Amino acid sequence: MTRLFKEPTMRLLLLAAVAFSAAAQTAVAPAGNAQNGKRIFESYGCYQCHGHDAHGGAGARLAPNPIPFERFSRYVRRPTGEMPPYTSKVVSNQELADIYAFLVTVPAPPPVKSIPILNR
């Protein structure tokens, strides 16, 4: 072990950082309405890049199993890629929670082996 991790203060800080990171990843998303979220996803044009089922396209795959809500919200508000920012003036916090609730309900696509045309 390096000297850095032998010092009690540094070990405590490292443990706190790991615990905080784990807690942030498992934070519960705010309550949202999945039906309204699907409507918003469609009406705001999210489907144009992410596909109608959010399985991806020109934009990233958002579902199934979306990233934790905090990361999702942070990226929507201040994206680092080509996506335009959706500030709270454009998409309210409740609408964002609704979109996320929709993403959580999106089922996984069928396995490739179950699609006959792909197995010729």
C-alpha atoms as a PDB file:
ATOM      1  CA  MET A   1       0.000   0.000   0.000  1.00  0.00           C
ATOM      2  CA  THR A   2       1.267   3.460  -0.743  1.00  0.00           C
ATOM      3  CA  ARG A   3       1.951   5.991   1.982  1.00  0.00           C
ATOM      4  CA  LEU A   4      -1.066   8.013   0.815  1.00  0.00           C
ATOM      5  CA  PHE A   5      -3.510   5.304   1.861  1.00  0.00           C
ATOM      6  CA  LYS A   6      -1.745   4.586   5.159  1.00  0.00           C
ATOM      7  CA  GLU A   7      -2.641   7.976   6.551  1.00  0.00           C
ATOM      8  CA  PRO A   8      -5.949   7.741   8.485  1.00  0.00           C
ATOM      9  CA  THR A   9      -7.289  11.044   7.151  1.00  0.00           C
ATOM     10  CA  MET A  10      -6.671  10.088   3.542  1.00  0.00           C
ATOM     11  CA  ARG A  11      -8.284   6.656   4.039  1.00  0.00           C
ATOM     12  CA  LEU A  12     -11.312   8.313   5.613  1.00  0.00           C
ATOM     13  CA  LEU A  13     -11.583  10.792   2.727  1.00  0.00           C
ATOM     14  CA  LEU A  14     -11.268   7.973   0.204  1.00  0.00           C
ATOM     15  CA  LEU A  15     -13.993   5.952   1.935  1.00  0.00           C
ATOM     16  CA  ALA A  16     -16.260   9.003   2.104  1.00  0.00           C
ATOM     17  CA  ALA A  17     -15.753   9.695  -1.612  1.00  0.00           C
ATOM     18  CA  VAL A  18     -16.578   6.088  -2.534  1.00  0.00           C
ATOM     19  CA  ALA A  19     -19.657   6.092  -0.294  1.00  0.00           C
ATOM     20  CA  PHE A  20     -20.848   9.424  -1.702  1.00  0.00           C
ATOM     21  CA  SER A  21     -20.339   8.211  -5.259  1.00  0.00           C
ATOM     22  CA  ALA A  22     -22.283   5.011  -4.571  1.00  0.00           C
ATOM     23  CA  ALA A  23     -25.107   6.951  -2.913  1.00  0.00           C
ATOM     24  CA  ALA A  24     -25.316   9.350  -5.850  1.00  0.00           C
ATOM     25  CA  GLN A  25     -25.592   6.446  -8.264  1.00  0.00           C
ATOM     26  CA  THR A  26     -28.490   4.898  -6.344  1.00  0.00           C
ATOM     27  CA  ALA A  27     -30.412   8.104  -5.639  1.00  0.00           C
ATOM     28  CA  VAL A  28     -34.119   7.727  -6.264  1.00  0.00           C
ATOM     29  CA  ALA A  29     -35.564   9.725  -9.142  1.00  0.00           C
ATOM     30  CA  PRO A  30     -38.425  12.086  -8.362  1.00  0.00           C
ATOM     31  CA  ALA A  31     -41.911  10.750  -9.001  1.00  0.00           C
ATOM     32  CA  GLY A  32     -42.958  11.149 -12.597  1.00  0.00           C
ATOM     33  CA  ASN A  33     -45.820  10.212 -14.897  1.00  0.00           C
ATOM     34  CA  ALA A  34     -44.574   7.826 -17.600  1.00  0.00           C
ATOM     35  CA  GLN A  35     -47.510   8.476 -19.952  1.00  0.00           C
ATOM     36  CA  ASN A  36     -46.949  12.210 -19.780  1.00  0.00           C
ATOM     37  CA  GLY A  37     -43.215  11.592 -20.170  1.00  0.00           C
ATOM     38  CA  LYS A  38     -43.786   9.677 -23.413  1.00  0.00           C
ATOM     39  CA  ARG A  39     -46.003  12.503 -24.681  1.00  0.00           C
ATOM     40  CA  ILE A  40     -43.342  15.100 -23.805  1.00  0.00           C
ATOM     41  CA  PHE A  41     -40.570  12.935 -25.321  1.00  0.00           C
ATOM     42  CA  GLU A  42     -42.522  12.870 -28.586  1.00  0.00           C
ATOM     43  CA  SER A  43     -43.765  16.473 -28.596  1.00  0.00           C
ATOM     44  CA  TYR A  44     -40.347  17.999 -27.753  1.00  0.00           C
ATOM     45  CA  GLY A  45     -38.754  15.974 -30.561  1.00  0.00           C
ATOM     46  CA  CYS A  46     -36.475  13.829 -28.394  1.00  0.00           C
ATOM     47  CA  TYR A  47     -37.412  10.858 -30.606  1.00  0.00           C
ATOM     48  CA  GLN A  48     -35.751  12.519 -33.607  1.00  0.00           C
ATOM     49  CA  CYS A  49     -32.309  11.647 -32.244  1.00  0.00           C
ATOM     50  CA  HIS A  50     -33.038   9.014 -29.609  1.00  0.00           C
ATOM     51  CA  GLY A  51     -35.737   7.026 -31.447  1.00  0.00           C
ATOM     52  CA  HIS A  52     -39.399   6.598 -30.477  1.00  0.00           C
ATOM     53  CA  ASP A  53     -38.494   3.955 -27.893  1.00  0.00           C
ATOM     54  CA  ALA A  54     -35.322   5.762 -26.782  1.00  0.00           C
ATOM     55  CA  HIS A  55     -33.190   2.863 -27.995  1.00  0.00           C
ATOM     56  CA  GLY A  56     -30.874   5.290 -29.764  1.00  0.00           C
ATOM     57  CA  GLY A  57     -30.229   6.520 -33.254  1.00  0.00           C
ATOM     58  CA  ALA A  58     -28.330   9.678 -34.086  1.00  0.00           C
ATOM     59  CA  GLY A  59     -28.415  10.336 -30.329  1.00  0.00           C
ATOM     60  CA  ALA A  60     -27.471   8.071 -27.452  1.00  0.00           C
ATOM     61  CA  ARG A  61     -29.485   5.076 -26.274  1.00  0.00           C
ATOM     62  CA  LEU A  62     -31.480   6.275 -23.283  1.00  0.00           C
ATOM     63  CA  ALA A  63     -33.467   3.141 -22.502  1.00  0.00           C
ATOM     64  CA  PRO A  64     -33.807   0.500 -21.247  1.00  0.00           C
ATOM     65  CA  ASN A  65     -31.976   0.993 -17.986  1.00  0.00           C
ATOM     66  CA  PRO A  66     -31.365   4.745 -18.163  1.00  0.00           C
ATOM     67  CA  ILE A  67     -28.459   6.320 -16.337  1.00  0.00           C
ATOM     68  CA  PRO A  68     -29.214   7.527 -12.788  1.00  0.00           C
ATOM     69  CA  PHE A  69     -31.602  10.478 -12.705  1.00  0.00           C
ATOM     70  CA  GLU A  70     -29.056  12.947 -11.301  1.00  0.00           C
ATOM     71  CA  ARG A  71     -26.661  12.297 -14.194  1.00  0.00           C
ATOM     72  CA  PHE A  72     -29.533  12.340 -16.698  1.00  0.00           C
ATOM     73  CA  SER A  73     -30.806  15.667 -15.375  1.00  0.00           C
ATOM     74  CA  ARG A  74     -27.337  17.216 -15.285  1.00  0.00           C
ATOM     75  CA  TYR A  75     -26.659  16.181 -18.887  1.00  0.00           C
ATOM     76  CA  VAL A  76     -30.026  17.399 -20.192  1.00  0.00           C
ATOM     77  CA  ARG A  77     -29.464  20.775 -18.543  1.00  0.00           C
ATOM     78  CA  ARG A  78     -25.793  21.109 -19.593  1.00  0.00           C
ATOM     79  CA  PRO A  79     -24.914  18.619 -22.349  1.00  0.00           C
ATOM     80  CA  THR A  80     -21.329  18.192 -23.498  1.00  0.00           C
ATOM     81  CA  GLY A  81     -22.084  16.800 -26.961  1.00  0.00           C
ATOM     82  CA  GLU A  82     -24.184  18.009 -29.861  1.00  0.00           C
ATOM     83  CA  MET A  83     -27.452  17.982 -27.930  1.00  0.00           C
ATOM     84  CA  PRO A  84     -28.862  21.438 -27.203  1.00  0.00           C
ATOM     85  CA  PRO A  85     -29.312  22.372 -23.523  1.00  0.00           C
ATOM     86  CA  TYR A  86     -32.808  22.046 -22.095  1.00  0.00           C
ATOM     87  CA  THR A  87     -32.855  24.506 -19.217  1.00  0.00           C
ATOM     88  CA  SER A  88     -35.660  24.551 -16.665  1.00  0.00           C
ATOM     89  CA  LYS A  89     -37.235  27.362 -18.710  1.00  0.00           C
ATOM     90  CA  VAL A  90     -37.637  24.906 -21.605  1.00  0.00           C
ATOM     91  CA  VAL A  91     -38.265  21.638 -19.745  1.00  0.00           C
ATOM     92  CA  SER A  92     -39.529  21.937 -16.182  1.00  0.00           C
ATOM     93  CA  ASN A  93     -38.166  19.714 -13.423  1.00  0.00           C
ATOM     94  CA  GLN A  94     -41.499  17.858 -13.352  1.00  0.00           C
ATOM     95  CA  GLU A  95     -41.422  17.309 -17.111  1.00  0.00           C
ATOM     96  CA  LEU A  96     -37.881  15.989 -16.807  1.00  0.00           C
ATOM     97  CA  ALA A  97     -39.058  13.599 -14.071  1.00  0.00           C
ATOM     98  CA  ASP A  98     -41.910  12.506 -16.351  1.00  0.00           C
ATOM     99  CA  ILE A  99     -39.533  11.851 -19.251  1.00  0.00           C
ATOM    100  CA  TYR A 100     -37.312   9.830 -16.936  1.00  0.00           C
ATOM    101  CA  ALA A 101     -40.334   7.850 -15.699  1.00  0.00           C
ATOM    102  CA  PHE A 102     -41.093   7.026 -19.344  1.00  0.00           C
ATOM    103  CA  LEU A 103     -37.490   5.909 -19.962  1.00  0.00           C
ATOM    104  CA  VAL A 104     -37.641   3.575 -16.969  1.00  0.00           C
ATOM    105  CA  THR A 105     -40.714   1.838 -18.443  1.00  0.00           C
ATOM    106  CA  VAL A 106     -39.223   1.204 -21.893  1.00  0.00           C
ATOM    107  CA  PRO A 107     -38.663  -2.537 -22.342  1.00  0.00           C
ATOM    108  CA  ALA A 108     -35.505  -3.990 -23.817  1.00  0.00           C
ATOM    109  CA  PRO A 109     -35.614  -4.676 -27.548  1.00  0.00           C
ATOM    110  CA  PRO A 110     -36.188  -8.295 -28.561  1.00  0.00           C
ATOM    111  CA  PRO A 111     -33.108 -10.488 -28.771  1.00  0.00           C
ATOM    112  CA  VAL A 112     -31.572 -10.710 -32.239  1.00  0.00           C
ATOM    113  CA  LYS A 113     -32.154 -14.478 -32.298  1.00  0.00           C
ATOM    114  CA  SER A 114     -35.914 -13.873 -32.084  1.00  0.00           C
ATOM    115  CA  ILE A 115     -35.996 -11.782 -35.279  1.00  0.00           C
ATOM    116  CA  PRO A 116     -36.270 -14.213 -38.220  1.00  0.00           C
ATOM    117  CA  ILE A 117     -34.932 -11.861 -40.916  1.00  0.00           C
ATOM    118  CA  LEU A 118     -31.719 -11.354 -38.925  1.00  0.00           C
ATOM    119  CA  ASN A 119     -31.104 -15.088 -38.609  1.00  0.00           C
ATOM    120  CA  ARG A 120     -30.963 -16.162 -42.265  1.00  0.00           C
END
